């Protein structure tokens, strides 16, 4: 459940950051202002893709597994014939 919530939040934050950059026309200005906008753009991309990964992981956690099938026993197969014999445990006085 934590992965699902983290994925939704990451997608929302990243999506809003990328949407705001798209509506403004990309980073503008010069110097530290431009560098800050570039860092925000990179952080938005990381939030978006990280949120997508965590959302997928969260959805996999929630989905129930299908019913487990029983192993079929082979008809006419001699299981005793194929069983390996156990070795005796080694002792310190064995030759």
C-alpha atoms as a PDB file:
ATOM      1  CA  UNK A   1       0.000   0.000   0.000  1.00  0.00           C
ATOM      2  CA  UNK A   2       2.899   2.325   0.775  1.00  0.00           C
ATOM      3  CA  UNK A   3       4.285   1.845  -2.740  1.00  0.00           C
ATOM      4  CA  UNK A   4       0.919   2.689  -4.250  1.00  0.00           C
ATOM      5  CA  UNK A   5       0.561   5.925  -2.265  1.00  0.00           C
ATOM      6  CA  UNK A   6       4.170   6.924  -2.970  1.00  0.00           C
ATOM      7  CA  UNK A   7       3.609   6.278  -6.662  1.00  0.00           C
ATOM      8  CA  UNK A   8       0.487   8.417  -6.805  1.00  0.00           C
ATOM      9  CA  UNK A   9       2.161  11.285  -4.931  1.00  0.00           C
ATOM     10  CA  UNK A  10       5.302  11.079  -7.092  1.00  0.00           C
ATOM     11  CA  UNK A  11       3.290  11.082 -10.300  1.00  0.00           C
ATOM     12  CA  UNK A  12       1.218  14.039  -9.115  1.00  0.00           C
ATOM     13  CA  UNK A  13       4.217  16.160  -8.007  1.00  0.00           C
ATOM     14  CA  UNK A  14       6.247  15.310 -11.088  1.00  0.00           C
ATOM     15  CA  UNK A  15       3.309  15.878 -13.386  1.00  0.00           C
ATOM     16  CA  UNK A  16       2.525  19.280 -11.879  1.00  0.00           C
ATOM     17  CA  UNK A  17       6.147  20.395 -12.112  1.00  0.00           C
ATOM     18  CA  UNK A  18       6.441  19.270 -15.729  1.00  0.00           C
ATOM     19  CA  UNK A  19       3.079  20.836 -16.598  1.00  0.00           C
ATOM     20  CA  UNK A  20       4.065  24.176 -15.083  1.00  0.00           C
ATOM     21  CA  UNK A  21       7.359  24.158 -16.995  1.00  0.00           C
ATOM     22  CA  UNK A  22       5.516  23.308 -20.197  1.00  0.00           C
ATOM     23  CA  UNK A  23       2.993  26.121 -19.720  1.00  0.00           C
ATOM     24  CA  UNK A  24       5.739  28.679 -18.959  1.00  0.00           C
ATOM     25  CA  UNK A  25       7.728  27.709 -22.029  1.00  0.00           C
ATOM     26  CA  UNK A  26      10.721  26.123 -20.309  1.00  0.00           C
ATOM     27  CA  UNK A  27      13.422  27.619 -18.106  1.00  0.00           C
ATOM     28  CA  UNK A  28      13.962  31.344 -18.598  1.00  0.00           C
ATOM     29  CA  UNK A  29      16.310  33.954 -17.184  1.00  0.00           C
ATOM     30  CA  UNK A  30      19.995  33.724 -16.446  1.00  0.00           C
ATOM     31  CA  UNK A  31      22.396  32.787 -13.705  1.00  0.00           C
ATOM     32  CA  UNK A  32      21.107  31.209 -10.504  1.00  0.00           C
ATOM     33  CA  UNK A  33      17.465  31.682 -11.502  1.00  0.00           C
ATOM     34  CA  UNK A  34      17.974  29.616 -14.650  1.00  0.00           C
ATOM     35  CA  UNK A  35      19.944  26.960 -12.715  1.00  0.00           C
ATOM     36  CA  UNK A  36      17.138  26.675 -10.163  1.00  0.00           C
ATOM     37  CA  UNK A  37      14.562  26.196 -12.891  1.00  0.00           C
ATOM     38  CA  UNK A  38      16.700  23.499 -14.524  1.00  0.00           C
ATOM     39  CA  UNK A  39      17.045  21.690 -11.192  1.00  0.00           C
ATOM     40  CA  UNK A  40      13.269  21.864 -10.742  1.00  0.00           C
ATOM     41  CA  UNK A  41      12.770  20.428 -14.224  1.00  0.00           C
ATOM     42  CA  UNK A  42      15.166  17.548 -13.509  1.00  0.00           C
ATOM     43  CA  UNK A  43      13.509  16.926 -10.151  1.00  0.00           C
ATOM     44  CA  UNK A  44      10.080  16.885 -11.825  1.00  0.00           C
ATOM     45  CA  UNK A  45      11.254  14.271 -14.321  1.00  0.00           C
ATOM     46  CA  UNK A  46      12.717  12.134 -11.526  1.00  0.00           C
ATOM     47  CA  UNK A  47       9.547  12.439  -9.451  1.00  0.00           C
ATOM     48  CA  UNK A  48       7.416  11.491 -12.439  1.00  0.00           C
ATOM     49  CA  UNK A  49       9.381   8.375 -13.424  1.00  0.00           C
ATOM     50  CA  UNK A  50      10.006   7.315  -9.827  1.00  0.00           C
ATOM     51  CA  UNK A  51       6.295   7.672  -9.118  1.00  0.00           C
ATOM     52  CA  UNK A  52       5.478   5.551 -12.160  1.00  0.00           C
ATOM     53  CA  UNK A  53       7.800   2.783 -10.955  1.00  0.00           C
ATOM     54  CA  UNK A  54       6.364   2.816  -7.440  1.00  0.00           C
ATOM     55  CA  UNK A  55       2.819   2.894  -8.795  1.00  0.00           C
ATOM     56  CA  UNK A  56       3.501  -0.248 -10.831  1.00  0.00           C
ATOM     57  CA  UNK A  57       5.049  -1.953  -7.799  1.00  0.00           C
ATOM     58  CA  UNK A  58       2.068  -0.960  -5.658  1.00  0.00           C
ATOM     59  CA  UNK A  59      -0.415  -2.293  -8.181  1.00  0.00           C
ATOM     60  CA  UNK A  60       1.426  -5.603  -8.335  1.00  0.00           C
ATOM     61  CA  UNK A  61       1.209  -5.870  -4.545  1.00  0.00           C
ATOM     62  CA  UNK A  62      -2.534  -5.321  -4.504  1.00  0.00           C
ATOM     63  CA  UNK A  63      -3.519  -7.734  -7.273  1.00  0.00           C
ATOM     64  CA  UNK A  64      -4.407 -11.134  -5.844  1.00  0.00           C
ATOM     65  CA  UNK A  65      -2.565 -14.159  -7.079  1.00  0.00           C
ATOM     66  CA  UNK A  66      -4.517 -16.666  -9.080  1.00  0.00           C
ATOM     67  CA  UNK A  67      -5.579 -19.949  -7.533  1.00  0.00           C
ATOM     68  CA  UNK A  68      -2.708 -22.334  -7.099  1.00  0.00           C
ATOM     69  CA  UNK A  69      -2.947 -25.482  -9.110  1.00  0.00           C
ATOM     70  CA  UNK A  70      -2.189 -28.824  -7.569  1.00  0.00           C
ATOM     71  CA  UNK A  71       0.728 -30.725  -8.969  1.00  0.00           C
ATOM     72  CA  UNK A  72      -0.466 -33.610 -11.021  1.00  0.00           C
ATOM     73  CA  UNK A  73       0.872 -36.980 -10.052  1.00  0.00           C
ATOM     74  CA  UNK A  74       2.029 -38.982 -13.018  1.00  0.00           C
ATOM     75  CA  UNK A  75       0.058 -42.157 -13.530  1.00  0.00           C
ATOM     76  CA  UNK A  76       2.148 -45.299 -13.843  1.00  0.00           C
ATOM     77  CA  UNK A  77       5.370 -43.584 -12.755  1.00  0.00           C
ATOM     78  CA  UNK A  78       7.392 -45.425 -10.155  1.00  0.00           C
ATOM     79  CA  UNK A  79       8.528 -42.812  -7.659  1.00  0.00           C
ATOM     80  CA  UNK A  80      10.395 -45.334  -5.495  1.00  0.00           C
ATOM     81  CA  UNK A  81      12.611 -46.332  -8.384  1.00  0.00           C
ATOM     82  CA  UNK A  82      13.794 -42.757  -8.941  1.00  0.00           C
ATOM     83  CA  UNK A  83      14.466 -41.951  -5.281  1.00  0.00           C
ATOM     84  CA  UNK A  84      18.103 -41.584  -4.310  1.00  0.00           C
ATOM     85  CA  UNK A  85      19.446 -43.649  -1.479  1.00  0.00           C
ATOM     86  CA  UNK A  86      20.661 -41.755   1.552  1.00  0.00           C
ATOM     87  CA  UNK A  87      24.329 -41.888   2.385  1.00  0.00           C
ATOM     88  CA  UNK A  88      25.466 -42.834   5.829  1.00  0.00           C
ATOM     89  CA  UNK A  89      26.735 -39.903   7.854  1.00  0.00           C
ATOM     90  CA  UNK A  90      30.523 -39.728   7.989  1.00  0.00           C
ATOM     91  CA  UNK A  91      32.237 -40.261  11.277  1.00  0.00           C
ATOM     92  CA  UNK A  92      35.669 -39.306  12.374  1.00  0.00           C
ATOM     93  CA  UNK A  93      36.774 -42.954  12.717  1.00  0.00           C
ATOM     94  CA  UNK A  94      35.696 -44.006   9.188  1.00  0.00           C
ATOM     95  CA  UNK A  95      38.396 -45.033   6.741  1.00  0.00           C
END
